[in-house]
C-alpha cells in the first residue's frame, strides 16, 4: 500500500451524498477490496460572514449555526489533487471546510 491521506470535510446534509459521490469517483474511499468507504457523524458548525462574504447558508454579518456532517475517507497520495478538486466542485460552500492529513502506515500484511 502506498502513501495515504485522510480527507475530512464538513457539509450540510443536502450536499452529503453529492460530495461523497464526487470524491469516490475521483479515487477516494478504497480500503483493500472495499470501495466507497467513509465515516460520518452529525454536528453543528458555526460561521460569521464578513462584509465581503456571500454565505450559502445564513446572512453575512450574523453568526450562524448550521447542522452539518463531518465526513472522513482515505485518499491515495497519487489521487490527492483530483479528489480535493472534486470535493471543491461538489461542495456548496463559498469557503469549503476540509482537512487533509498524511497517515502513517501500520505495515499490516
PDB file of N, CA and C in Angstrom:
ATOM      1  N   UNK A   1       0.834  -1.174   0.000  1.00  0.00           N
ATOM      2  CA  UNK A   1       0.000   0.000   0.000  1.00  0.00           C
ATOM      3  C   UNK A   1       0.881   1.240   0.000  1.00  0.00           C
ATOM      4  N   UNK A   2       0.573   2.213  -0.856  1.00  0.00           N
ATOM      5  CA  UNK A   2       1.356   3.431  -0.949  1.00  0.00           C
ATOM      6  C   UNK A   2       0.951   4.444   0.100  1.00  0.00           C
ATOM      7  N   UNK A   3       1.521   5.630  -0.037  1.00  0.00           N
ATOM      8  CA  UNK A   3       1.205   6.721   0.891  1.00  0.00           C
ATOM      9  C   UNK A   3      -0.278   7.075   0.801  1.00  0.00           C
ATOM     10  N   UNK A   4      -0.899   7.265   1.957  1.00  0.00           N
ATOM     11  CA  UNK A   4      -2.333   7.536   2.027  1.00  0.00           C
ATOM     12  C   UNK A   4      -2.593   8.745   2.910  1.00  0.00           C
ATOM     13  N   UNK A   5      -3.669   9.456   2.600  1.00  0.00           N
ATOM     14  CA  UNK A   5      -4.099  10.598   3.392  1.00  0.00           C
ATOM     15  C   UNK A   5      -5.532  10.371   3.882  1.00  0.00           C
ATOM     16  N   UNK A   6      -5.887  11.078   4.935  1.00  0.00           N
ATOM     17  CA  UNK A   6      -7.269  11.099   5.428  1.00  0.00           C
ATOM     18  C   UNK A   6      -7.843  12.448   5.040  1.00  0.00           C
ATOM     19  N   UNK A   7      -8.954  12.415   4.297  1.00  0.00           N
ATOM     20  CA  UNK A   7      -9.674  13.624   3.935  1.00  0.00           C
ATOM     21  C   UNK A   7     -10.887  13.752   4.842  1.00  0.00           C
ATOM     22  N   UNK A   8     -11.041  14.915   5.465  1.00  0.00           N
ATOM     23  CA  UNK A   8     -12.171  15.211   6.343  1.00  0.00           C
ATOM     24  C   UNK A   8     -12.822  16.485   5.821  1.00  0.00           C
ATOM     25  N   UNK A   9     -14.153  16.450   5.665  1.00  0.00           N
ATOM     26  CA  UNK A   9     -14.846  17.673   5.263  1.00  0.00           C
ATOM     27  C   UNK A   9     -16.149  17.819   6.016  1.00  0.00           C
ATOM     28  N   UNK A  10     -16.663  19.046   5.995  1.00  0.00           N
ATOM     29  CA  UNK A  10     -17.864  19.411   6.736  1.00  0.00           C
ATOM     30  C   UNK A  10     -18.875  19.964   5.739  1.00  0.00           C
ATOM     31  N   UNK A  11     -20.087  19.386   5.744  1.00  0.00           N
ATOM     32  CA  UNK A  11     -21.031  19.685   4.673  1.00  0.00           C
ATOM     33  C   UNK A  11     -22.468  19.619   5.200  1.00  0.00           C
ATOM     34  N   UNK A  12     -23.349  20.481   4.685  1.00  0.00           N
ATOM     35  CA  UNK A  12     -24.756  20.363   5.080  1.00  0.00           C
ATOM     36  C   UNK A  12     -25.361  19.083   4.509  1.00  0.00           C
ATOM     37  N   UNK A  13     -26.391  18.568   5.173  1.00  0.00           N
ATOM     38  CA  UNK A  13     -26.967  17.275   4.798  1.00  0.00           C
ATOM     39  C   UNK A  13     -27.371  17.209   3.328  1.00  0.00           C
ATOM     40  N   UNK A  14     -27.919  18.285   2.786  1.00  0.00           N
ATOM     41  CA  UNK A  14     -28.382  18.241   1.398  1.00  0.00           C
ATOM     42  C   UNK A  14     -27.250  18.037   0.390  1.00  0.00           C
ATOM     43  N   UNK A  15     -26.007  18.237   0.801  1.00  0.00           N
ATOM     44  CA  UNK A  15     -24.872  18.032  -0.104  1.00  0.00           C
ATOM     45  C   UNK A  15     -24.032  16.817   0.280  1.00  0.00           C
ATOM     46  N   UNK A  16     -24.463  16.064   1.276  1.00  0.00           N
ATOM     47  CA  UNK A  16     -23.684  14.921   1.757  1.00  0.00           C
ATOM     48  C   UNK A  16     -23.418  13.903   0.659  1.00  0.00           C
ATOM     49  N   UNK A  17     -24.452  13.386   0.042  1.00  0.00           N
ATOM     50  CA  UNK A  17     -24.263  12.336  -0.974  1.00  0.00           C
ATOM     51  C   UNK A  17     -23.557  12.857  -2.222  1.00  0.00           C
ATOM     52  N   UNK A  18     -23.838  14.102  -2.600  1.00  0.00           N
ATOM     53  CA  UNK A  18     -23.173  14.688  -3.768  1.00  0.00           C
ATOM     54  C   UNK A  18     -21.660  14.771  -3.553  1.00  0.00           C
ATOM     55  N   UNK A  19     -21.232  15.203  -2.363  1.00  0.00           N
ATOM     56  CA  UNK A  19     -19.798  15.306  -2.109  1.00  0.00           C
ATOM     57  C   UNK A  19     -19.159  13.926  -1.963  1.00  0.00           C
ATOM     58  N   UNK A  20     -19.840  12.999  -1.306  1.00  0.00           N
ATOM     59  CA  UNK A  20     -19.300  11.637  -1.191  1.00  0.00           C
ATOM     60  C   UNK A  20     -19.119  11.022  -2.579  1.00  0.00           C
ATOM     61  N   UNK A  21     -20.156  11.111  -3.422  1.00  0.00           N
ATOM     62  CA  UNK A  21     -20.062  10.555  -4.773  1.00  0.00           C
ATOM     63  C   UNK A  21     -18.895  11.167  -5.543  1.00  0.00           C
ATOM     64  N   UNK A  22     -18.708  12.473  -5.421  1.00  0.00           N
ATOM     65  CA  UNK A  22     -17.645  13.154  -6.159  1.00  0.00           C
ATOM     66  C   UNK A  22     -16.257  12.674  -5.742  1.00  0.00           C
ATOM     67  N   UNK A  23     -16.005  12.586  -4.430  1.00  0.00           N
ATOM     68  CA  UNK A  23     -14.673  12.155  -4.005  1.00  0.00           C
ATOM     69  C   UNK A  23     -14.439  10.677  -4.308  1.00  0.00           C
ATOM     70  N   UNK A  24     -15.480   9.855  -4.240  1.00  0.00           N
ATOM     71  CA  UNK A  24     -15.325   8.448  -4.576  1.00  0.00           C
ATOM     72  C   UNK A  24     -15.022   8.269  -6.064  1.00  0.00           C
ATOM     73  N   UNK A  25     -15.725   9.007  -6.921  1.00  0.00           N
ATOM     74  CA  UNK A  25     -15.457   8.933  -8.367  1.00  0.00           C
ATOM     75  C   UNK A  25     -14.028   9.354  -8.696  1.00  0.00           C
ATOM     76  N   UNK A  26     -13.485  10.276  -7.899  1.00  0.00           N
ATOM     77  CA  UNK A  26     -12.129  10.786  -8.137  1.00  0.00           C
ATOM     78  C   UNK A  26     -11.047   9.860  -7.590  1.00  0.00           C
ATOM     79  N   UNK A  27     -11.432   8.806  -6.854  1.00  0.00           N
ATOM     80  CA  UNK A  27     -10.442   7.825  -6.414  1.00  0.00           C
ATOM     81  C   UNK A  27     -10.283   7.664  -4.915  1.00  0.00           C
ATOM     82  N   UNK A  28     -11.109   8.324  -4.119  1.00  0.00           N
ATOM     83  CA  UNK A  28     -11.021   8.185  -2.660  1.00  0.00           C
ATOM     84  C   UNK A  28     -11.879   7.013  -2.183  1.00  0.00           C
ATOM     85  N   UNK A  29     -11.650   6.622  -0.923  1.00  0.00           N
ATOM     86  CA  UNK A  29     -12.528   5.666  -0.273  1.00  0.00           C
ATOM     87  C   UNK A  29     -12.234   4.201  -0.503  1.00  0.00           C
ATOM     88  N   UNK A  30     -11.062   3.870  -1.004  1.00  0.00           N
ATOM     89  CA  UNK A  30     -10.727   2.457  -1.234  1.00  0.00           C
ATOM     90  C   UNK A  30      -9.844   1.926  -0.110  1.00  0.00           C
ATOM     91  N   UNK A  31     -10.300   0.840   0.503  1.00  0.00           N
ATOM     92  CA  UNK A  31      -9.531   0.158   1.540  1.00  0.00           C
ATOM     93  C   UNK A  31      -9.528  -1.320   1.183  1.00  0.00           C
ATOM     94  N   UNK A  32      -8.379  -1.824   0.757  1.00  0.00           N
ATOM     95  CA  UNK A  32      -8.286  -3.227   0.344  1.00  0.00           C
ATOM     96  C   UNK A  32      -9.258  -3.523  -0.783  1.00  0.00           C
ATOM     97  N   UNK A  33     -10.105  -4.511  -0.598  1.00  0.00           N
ATOM     98  CA  UNK A  33     -11.083  -4.902  -1.614  1.00  0.00           C
ATOM     99  C   UNK A  33     -12.416  -4.167  -1.461  1.00  0.00           C
ATOM    100  N   UNK A  34     -12.449  -3.102  -0.671  1.00  0.00           N
ATOM    101  CA  UNK A  34     -13.679  -2.347  -0.433  1.00  0.00           C
ATOM    102  C   UNK A  34     -13.586  -0.963  -1.057  1.00  0.00           C
ATOM    103  N   UNK A  35     -14.704  -0.484  -1.575  1.00  0.00           N
ATOM    104  CA  UNK A  35     -14.779   0.846  -2.176  1.00  0.00           C
ATOM    105  C   UNK A  35     -15.845   1.662  -1.467  1.00  0.00           C
ATOM    106  N   UNK A  36     -15.808   2.981  -1.678  1.00  0.00           N
ATOM    107  CA  UNK A  36     -16.781   3.914  -1.111  1.00  0.00           C
ATOM    108  C   UNK A  36     -16.807   3.837   0.424  1.00  0.00           C
ATOM    109  N   UNK A  37     -15.636   3.638   1.026  1.00  0.00           N
ATOM    110  CA  UNK A  37     -15.530   3.582   2.482  1.00  0.00           C
ATOM    111  C   UNK A  37     -15.452   5.001   3.033  1.00  0.00           C
ATOM    112  N   UNK A  38     -16.293   5.283   4.014  1.00  0.00           N
ATOM    113  CA  UNK A  38     -16.253   6.578   4.685  1.00  0.00           C
ATOM    114  C   UNK A  38     -16.881   6.442   6.059  1.00  0.00           C
ATOM    115  N   UNK A  39     -16.740   7.477   6.834  1.00  0.00           N
ATOM    116  CA  UNK A  39     -17.354   7.553   8.150  1.00  0.00           C
ATOM    117  C   UNK A  39     -17.917   8.950   8.278  1.00  0.00           C
ATOM    118  N   UNK A  40     -19.101   9.086   8.871  1.00  0.00           N
ATOM    119  CA  UNK A  40     -19.669  10.418   9.048  1.00  0.00           C
ATOM    120  C   UNK A  40     -20.448  10.491  10.353  1.00  0.00           C
ATOM    121  N   UNK A  41     -20.572  11.709  10.825  1.00  0.00           N
ATOM    122  CA  UNK A  41     -21.344  11.974  12.032  1.00  0.00           C
ATOM    123  C   UNK A  41     -21.970  13.363  11.919  1.00  0.00           C
ATOM    124  N   UNK A  42     -23.101  13.537  12.571  1.00  0.00           N
ATOM    125  CA  UNK A  42     -23.782  14.839  12.576  1.00  0.00           C
ATOM    126  C   UNK A  42     -23.145  15.750  13.614  1.00  0.00           C
ATOM    127  N   UNK A  43     -23.170  17.023  13.315  1.00  0.00           N
ATOM    128  CA  UNK A  43     -22.656  18.005  14.254  1.00  0.00           C
ATOM    129  C   UNK A  43     -23.200  19.380  13.926  1.00  0.00           C
ATOM    130  N   UNK A  44     -22.635  20.381  14.551  1.00  0.00           N
ATOM    131  CA  UNK A  44     -23.073  21.749  14.319  1.00  0.00           C
ATOM    132  C   UNK A  44     -21.864  22.619  14.017  1.00  0.00           C
ATOM    133  N   UNK A  45     -21.900  23.291  12.886  1.00  0.00           N
ATOM    134  CA  UNK A  45     -20.858  24.239  12.527  1.00  0.00           C
ATOM    135  C   UNK A  45     -21.322  25.650  12.825  1.00  0.00           C
ATOM    136  N   UNK A  46     -20.373  26.543  13.079  1.00  0.00           N
ATOM    137  CA  UNK A  46     -20.696  27.950  13.271  1.00  0.00           C
ATOM    138  C   UNK A  46     -19.888  28.769  12.286  1.00  0.00           C
ATOM    139  N   UNK A  47     -20.444  29.909  11.904  1.00  0.00           N
ATOM    140  CA  UNK A  47     -19.746  30.800  10.983  1.00  0.00           C
ATOM    141  C   UNK A  47     -20.274  32.210  11.146  1.00  0.00           C
ATOM    142  N   UNK A  48     -19.429  33.159  10.804  1.00  0.00           N
ATOM    143  CA  UNK A  48     -19.808  34.561  10.807  1.00  0.00           C
ATOM    144  C   UNK A  48     -19.263  35.144   9.518  1.00  0.00           C
ATOM    145  N   UNK A  49     -20.140  35.474   8.592  1.00  0.00           N
ATOM    146  CA  UNK A  49     -19.720  36.008   7.307  1.00  0.00           C
ATOM    147  C   UNK A  49     -19.342  37.475   7.406  1.00  0.00           C
ATOM    148  N   UNK A  50     -18.119  37.793   6.973  1.00  0.00           N
ATOM    149  CA  UNK A  50     -17.661  39.177   6.956  1.00  0.00           C
ATOM    150  C   UNK A  50     -18.396  39.947   5.857  1.00  0.00           C
ATOM    151  N   UNK A  51     -18.153  41.244   5.788  1.00  0.00           N
ATOM    152  CA  UNK A  51     -18.870  42.117   4.853  1.00  0.00           C
ATOM    153  C   UNK A  51     -18.742  41.673   3.396  1.00  0.00           C
ATOM    154  N   UNK A  52     -17.605  41.131   3.008  1.00  0.00           N
ATOM    155  CA  UNK A  52     -17.386  40.728   1.613  1.00  0.00           C
ATOM    156  C   UNK A  52     -17.851  39.299   1.322  1.00  0.00           C
ATOM    157  N   UNK A  53     -18.369  38.595   2.321  1.00  0.00           N
ATOM    158  CA  UNK A  53     -18.759  37.195   2.125  1.00  0.00           C
ATOM    159  C   UNK A  53     -20.085  37.086   1.386  1.00  0.00           C
ATOM    160  N   UNK A  54     -20.315  35.890   0.838  1.00  0.00           N
ATOM    161  CA  UNK A  54     -21.586  35.566   0.181  1.00  0.00           C
ATOM    162  C   UNK A  54     -22.017  34.199   0.694  1.00  0.00           C
ATOM    163  N   UNK A  55     -22.541  34.129   1.922  1.00  0.00           N
ATOM    164  CA  UNK A  55     -22.817  32.832   2.544  1.00  0.00           C
ATOM    165  C   UNK A  55     -23.857  31.996   1.780  1.00  0.00           C
ATOM    166  N   UNK A  56     -23.586  30.713   1.680  1.00  0.00           N
ATOM    167  CA  UNK A  56     -24.535  29.770   1.097  1.00  0.00           C
ATOM    168  C   UNK A  56     -25.727  29.600   2.031  1.00  0.00           C
ATOM    169  N   UNK A  57     -25.442  29.587   3.322  1.00  0.00           N
ATOM    170  CA  UNK A  57     -26.471  29.434   4.350  1.00  0.00           C
ATOM    171  C   UNK A  57     -26.360  30.620   5.297  1.00  0.00           C
ATOM    172  N   UNK A  58     -27.469  31.234   5.612  1.00  0.00           N
ATOM    173  CA  UNK A  58     -27.469  32.344   6.555  1.00  0.00           C
ATOM    174  C   UNK A  58     -27.193  33.681   5.897  1.00  0.00           C
ATOM    175  N   UNK A  59     -26.804  34.647   6.735  1.00  0.00           N
ATOM    176  CA  UNK A  59     -26.584  36.017   6.281  1.00  0.00           C
ATOM    177  C   UNK A  59     -25.222  36.523   6.729  1.00  0.00           C
ATOM    178  N   UNK A  60     -24.612  37.371   5.924  1.00  0.00           N
ATOM    179  CA  UNK A  60     -23.351  37.993   6.342  1.00  0.00           C
ATOM    180  C   UNK A  60     -23.638  38.926   7.515  1.00  0.00           C
ATOM    181  N   UNK A  61     -22.623  39.096   8.364  1.00  0.00           N
ATOM    182  CA  UNK A  61     -22.763  39.997   9.497  1.00  0.00           C
ATOM    183  C   UNK A  61     -23.524  39.423  10.677  1.00  0.00           C
ATOM    184  N   UNK A  62     -23.774  38.112  10.624  1.00  0.00           N
ATOM    185  CA  UNK A  62     -24.520  37.465  11.709  1.00  0.00           C
ATOM    186  C   UNK A  62     -23.943  36.069  11.942  1.00  0.00           C
ATOM    187  N   UNK A  63     -23.754  35.693  13.207  1.00  0.00           N
ATOM    188  CA  UNK A  63     -23.269  34.335  13.471  1.00  0.00           C
ATOM    189  C   UNK A  63     -24.375  33.338  13.174  1.00  0.00           C
ATOM    190  N   UNK A  64     -24.009  32.289  12.451  1.00  0.00           N
ATOM    191  CA  UNK A  64     -24.960  31.240  12.074  1.00  0.00           C
ATOM    192  C   UNK A  64     -24.522  29.927  12.696  1.00  0.00           C
ATOM    193  N   UNK A  65     -25.485  29.085  12.989  1.00  0.00           N
ATOM    194  CA  UNK A  65     -25.256  27.711  13.434  1.00  0.00           C
ATOM    195  C   UNK A  65     -25.902  26.816  12.394  1.00  0.00           C
ATOM    196  N   UNK A  66     -25.118  25.873  11.881  1.00  0.00           N
ATOM    197  CA  UNK A  66     -25.561  25.062  10.751  1.00  0.00           C
ATOM    198  C   UNK A  66     -25.426  23.581  11.095  1.00  0.00           C
ATOM    199  N   UNK A  67     -26.491  22.819  10.878  1.00  0.00           N
ATOM    200  CA  UNK A  67     -26.423  21.365  11.026  1.00  0.00           C
ATOM    201  C   UNK A  67     -25.585  20.831   9.867  1.00  0.00           C
ATOM    202  N   UNK A  68     -24.519  20.129  10.190  1.00  0.00           N
ATOM    203  CA  UNK A  68     -23.600  19.623   9.173  1.00  0.00           C
ATOM    204  C   UNK A  68     -23.214  18.180   9.482  1.00  0.00           C
ATOM    205  N   UNK A  69     -22.596  17.552   8.497  1.00  0.00           N
ATOM    206  CA  UNK A  69     -21.966  16.261   8.679  1.00  0.00           C
ATOM    207  C   UNK A  69     -20.461  16.437   8.601  1.00  0.00           C
ATOM    208  N   UNK A  70     -19.742  15.719   9.447  1.00  0.00           N
ATOM    209  CA  UNK A  70     -18.289  15.573   9.331  1.00  0.00           C
ATOM    210  C   UNK A  70     -18.105  14.244   8.613  1.00  0.00           C
ATOM    211  N   UNK A  71     -17.405  14.248   7.496  1.00  0.00           N
ATOM    212  CA  UNK A  71     -17.199  13.048   6.689  1.00  0.00           C
ATOM    213  C   UNK A  71     -15.706  12.784   6.590  1.00  0.00           C
ATOM    214  N   UNK A  72     -15.314  11.517   6.719  1.00  0.00           N
ATOM    215  CA  UNK A  72     -13.913  11.130   6.617  1.00  0.00           C
ATOM    216  C   UNK A  72     -13.775   9.988   5.619  1.00  0.00           C
ATOM    217  N   UNK A  73     -12.697  10.016   4.851  1.00  0.00           N
ATOM    218  CA  UNK A  73     -12.371   8.912   3.957  1.00  0.00           C
ATOM    219  C   UNK A  73     -10.872   8.917   3.696  1.00  0.00           C
ATOM    220  N   UNK A  74     -10.385   7.879   3.078  1.00  0.00           N
ATOM    221  CA  UNK A  74      -8.960   7.783   2.752  1.00  0.00           C
ATOM    222  C   UNK A  74      -8.739   8.140   1.286  1.00  0.00           C
ATOM    223  N   UNK A  75      -7.537   8.675   1.031  1.00  0.00           N
ATOM    224  CA  UNK A  75      -7.174   9.107  -0.315  1.00  0.00           C
ATOM    225  C   UNK A  75      -5.743   8.665  -0.600  1.00  0.00           C
ATOM    226  N   UNK A  76      -5.515   7.900  -1.674  1.00  0.00           N
ATOM    227  CA  UNK A  76      -4.131   7.593  -2.037  1.00  0.00           C
ATOM    228  C   UNK A  76      -3.429   8.883  -2.468  1.00  0.00           C
ATOM    229  N   UNK A  77      -2.172   9.037  -2.084  1.00  0.00           N
ATOM    230  CA  UNK A  77      -1.433  10.272  -2.362  1.00  0.00           C
ATOM    231  C   UNK A  77      -1.465  10.640  -3.839  1.00  0.00           C
ATOM    232  N   UNK A  78      -1.401   9.661  -4.719  1.00  0.00           N
ATOM    233  CA  UNK A  78      -1.372   9.956  -6.156  1.00  0.00           C
ATOM    234  C   UNK A  78      -2.707  10.470  -6.696  1.00  0.00           C
ATOM    235  N   UNK A  79      -3.787  10.382  -5.908  1.00  0.00           N
ATOM    236  CA  UNK A  79      -5.104  10.869  -6.326  1.00  0.00           C
ATOM    237  C   UNK A  79      -5.538  12.122  -5.541  1.00  0.00           C
ATOM    238  N   UNK A  80      -4.645  12.606  -4.672  1.00  0.00           N
ATOM    239  CA  UNK A  80      -4.982  13.692  -3.762  1.00  0.00           C
ATOM    240  C   UNK A  80      -5.497  14.934  -4.489  1.00  0.00           C
ATOM    241  N   UNK A  81      -4.806  15.401  -5.497  1.00  0.00           N
ATOM    242  CA  UNK A  81      -5.221  16.626  -6.202  1.00  0.00           C
ATOM    243  C   UNK A  81      -6.587  16.459  -6.863  1.00  0.00           C
ATOM    244  N   UNK A  82      -6.806  15.324  -7.506  1.00  0.00           N
ATOM    245  CA  UNK A  82      -8.088  15.084  -8.185  1.00  0.00           C
ATOM    246  C   UNK A  82      -9.244  14.982  -7.189  1.00  0.00           C
ATOM    247  N   UNK A  83      -8.990  14.334  -6.064  1.00  0.00           N
ATOM    248  CA  UNK A  83     -10.036  14.169  -5.051  1.00  0.00           C
ATOM    249  C   UNK A  83     -10.404  15.513  -4.430  1.00  0.00           C
ATOM    250  N   UNK A  84      -9.404  16.304  -4.071  1.00  0.00           N
ATOM    251  CA  UNK A  84      -9.689  17.623  -3.489  1.00  0.00           C
ATOM    252  C   UNK A  84     -10.413  18.498  -4.513  1.00  0.00           C
ATOM    253  N   UNK A  85      -9.997  18.464  -5.773  1.00  0.00           N
ATOM    254  CA  UNK A  85     -10.683  19.240  -6.812  1.00  0.00           C
ATOM    255  C   UNK A  85     -12.139  18.810  -6.946  1.00  0.00           C
ATOM    256  N   UNK A  86     -12.392  17.514  -6.878  1.00  0.00           N
ATOM    257  CA  UNK A  86     -13.762  17.005  -6.973  1.00  0.00           C
ATOM    258  C   UNK A  86     -14.599  17.483  -5.791  1.00  0.00           C
ATOM    259  N   UNK A  87     -14.009  17.478  -4.595  1.00  0.00           N
ATOM    260  CA  UNK A  87     -14.719  17.979  -3.414  1.00  0.00           C
ATOM    261  C   UNK A  87     -15.048  19.460  -3.574  1.00  0.00           C
ATOM    262  N   UNK A  88     -14.083  20.242  -4.000  1.00  0.00           N
ATOM    263  CA  UNK A  88     -14.300  21.680  -4.161  1.00  0.00           C
ATOM    264  C   UNK A  88     -15.395  21.974  -5.176  1.00  0.00           C
ATOM    265  N   UNK A  89     -15.462  21.174  -6.235  1.00  0.00           N
ATOM    266  CA  UNK A  89     -16.501  21.359  -7.254  1.00  0.00           C
ATOM    267  C   UNK A  89     -17.890  20.970  -6.747  1.00  0.00           C
ATOM    268  N   UNK A  90     -17.965  19.960  -5.886  1.00  0.00           N
ATOM    269  CA  UNK A  90     -19.263  19.430  -5.444  1.00  0.00           C
ATOM    270  C   UNK A  90     -19.814  20.121  -4.204  1.00  0.00           C
ATOM    271  N   UNK A  91     -18.961  20.726  -3.409  1.00  0.00           N
ATOM    272  CA  UNK A  91     -19.382  21.319  -2.145  1.00  0.00           C
ATOM    273  C   UNK A  91     -20.090  22.650  -2.387  1.00  0.00           C
ATOM    274  N   UNK A  92     -21.192  22.924  -1.682  1.00  0.00           N
ATOM    275  CA  UNK A  92     -21.950  24.153  -1.929  1.00  0.00           C
ATOM    276  C   UNK A  92     -21.384  25.407  -1.265  1.00  0.00           C
ATOM    277  N   UNK A  93     -20.464  25.244  -0.310  1.00  0.00           N
ATOM    278  CA  UNK A  93     -19.995  26.396   0.452  1.00  0.00           C
ATOM    279  C   UNK A  93     -19.060  27.289  -0.351  1.00  0.00           C
ATOM    280  N   UNK A  94     -19.123  28.596  -0.072  1.00  0.00           N
ATOM    281  CA  UNK A  94     -18.209  29.575  -0.680  1.00  0.00           C
ATOM    282  C   UNK A  94     -16.769  29.257  -0.282  1.00  0.00           C
ATOM    283  N   UNK A  95     -16.558  28.927   0.988  1.00  0.00           N
ATOM    284  CA  UNK A  95     -15.255  28.517   1.506  1.00  0.00           C
ATOM    285  C   UNK A  95     -15.423  27.080   2.009  1.00  0.00           C
ATOM    286  N   UNK A  96     -14.861  26.133   1.295  1.00  0.00           N
ATOM    287  CA  UNK A  96     -15.032  24.716   1.636  1.00  0.00           C
ATOM    288  C   UNK A  96     -14.191  24.385   2.860  1.00  0.00           C
ATOM    289  N   UNK A  97     -14.832  23.803   3.865  1.00  0.00           N
ATOM    290  CA  UNK A  97     -14.154  23.432   5.103  1.00  0.00           C
ATOM    291  C   UNK A  97     -13.685  21.991   4.986  1.00  0.00           C
ATOM    292  N   UNK A  98     -12.365  21.803   4.846  1.00  0.00           N
ATOM    293  CA  UNK A  98     -11.821  20.446   4.769  1.00  0.00           C
ATOM    294  C   UNK A  98     -10.415  20.417   5.345  1.00  0.00           C
ATOM    295  N   UNK A  99      -9.991  19.211   5.748  1.00  0.00           N
ATOM    296  CA  UNK A  99      -8.640  18.952   6.244  1.00  0.00           C
ATOM    297  C   UNK A  99      -8.104  17.738   5.509  1.00  0.00           C
ATOM    298  N   UNK A 100      -6.798  17.702   5.321  1.00  0.00           N
ATOM    299  CA  UNK A 100      -6.136  16.576   4.673  1.00  0.00           C
ATOM    300  C   UNK A 100      -4.922  16.214   5.514  1.00  0.00           C
ATOM    301  N   UNK A 101      -4.904  14.984   6.036  1.00  0.00           N
ATOM    302  CA  UNK A 101      -3.851  14.535   6.932  1.00  0.00           C
ATOM    303  C   UNK A 101      -3.077  13.368   6.323  1.00  0.00           C
ATOM    304  N   UNK A 102      -1.744  13.381   6.373  1.00  0.00           N
ATOM    305  CA  UNK A 102      -0.998  12.195   5.961  1.00  0.00           C
ATOM    306  C   UNK A 102      -1.176  11.100   7.030  1.00  0.00           C
ATOM    307  N   UNK A 103      -1.283   9.865   6.581  1.00  0.00           N
ATOM    308  CA  UNK A 103      -1.433   8.739   7.509  1.00  0.00           C
ATOM    309  C   UNK A 103      -0.127   7.964   7.585  1.00  0.00           C
ATOM    310  N   UNK A 104       0.122   7.403   8.732  1.00  0.00           N
ATOM    311  CA  UNK A 104       1.311   6.577   8.951  1.00  0.00           C
ATOM    312  C   UNK A 104       0.942   5.136   8.695  1.00  0.00           C
ATOM    313  N   UNK A 105       1.741   4.425   7.926  1.00  0.00           N
ATOM    314  CA  UNK A 105       1.462   3.028   7.612  1.00  0.00           C
ATOM    315  C   UNK A 105       1.651   2.156   8.846  1.00  0.00           C
ATOM    316  N   UNK A 106       0.755   1.185   9.005  1.00  0.00           N
ATOM    317  CA  UNK A 106       0.890   0.251  10.124  1.00  0.00           C
ATOM    318  C   UNK A 106       1.696  -0.982   9.716  1.00  0.00           C
ATOM    319  N   UNK A 107       2.081  -1.053   8.435  1.00  0.00           N
ATOM    320  CA  UNK A 107       2.828  -2.184   7.882  1.00  0.00           C
ATOM    321  C   UNK A 107       2.136  -3.510   8.117  1.00  0.00           C
ATOM    322  N   UNK A 108       0.804  -3.482   8.053  1.00  0.00           N
ATOM    323  CA  UNK A 108      -0.007  -4.692   8.190  1.00  0.00           C
ATOM    324  C   UNK A 108       0.070  -5.491   6.916  1.00  0.00           C
ATOM    325  N   UNK A 109       0.136  -6.772   7.032  1.00  0.00           N
ATOM    326  CA  UNK A 109       0.131  -7.629   5.851  1.00  0.00           C
ATOM    327  C   UNK A 109      -1.126  -8.425   5.784  1.00  0.00           C
TER     328      UNK A 109
END
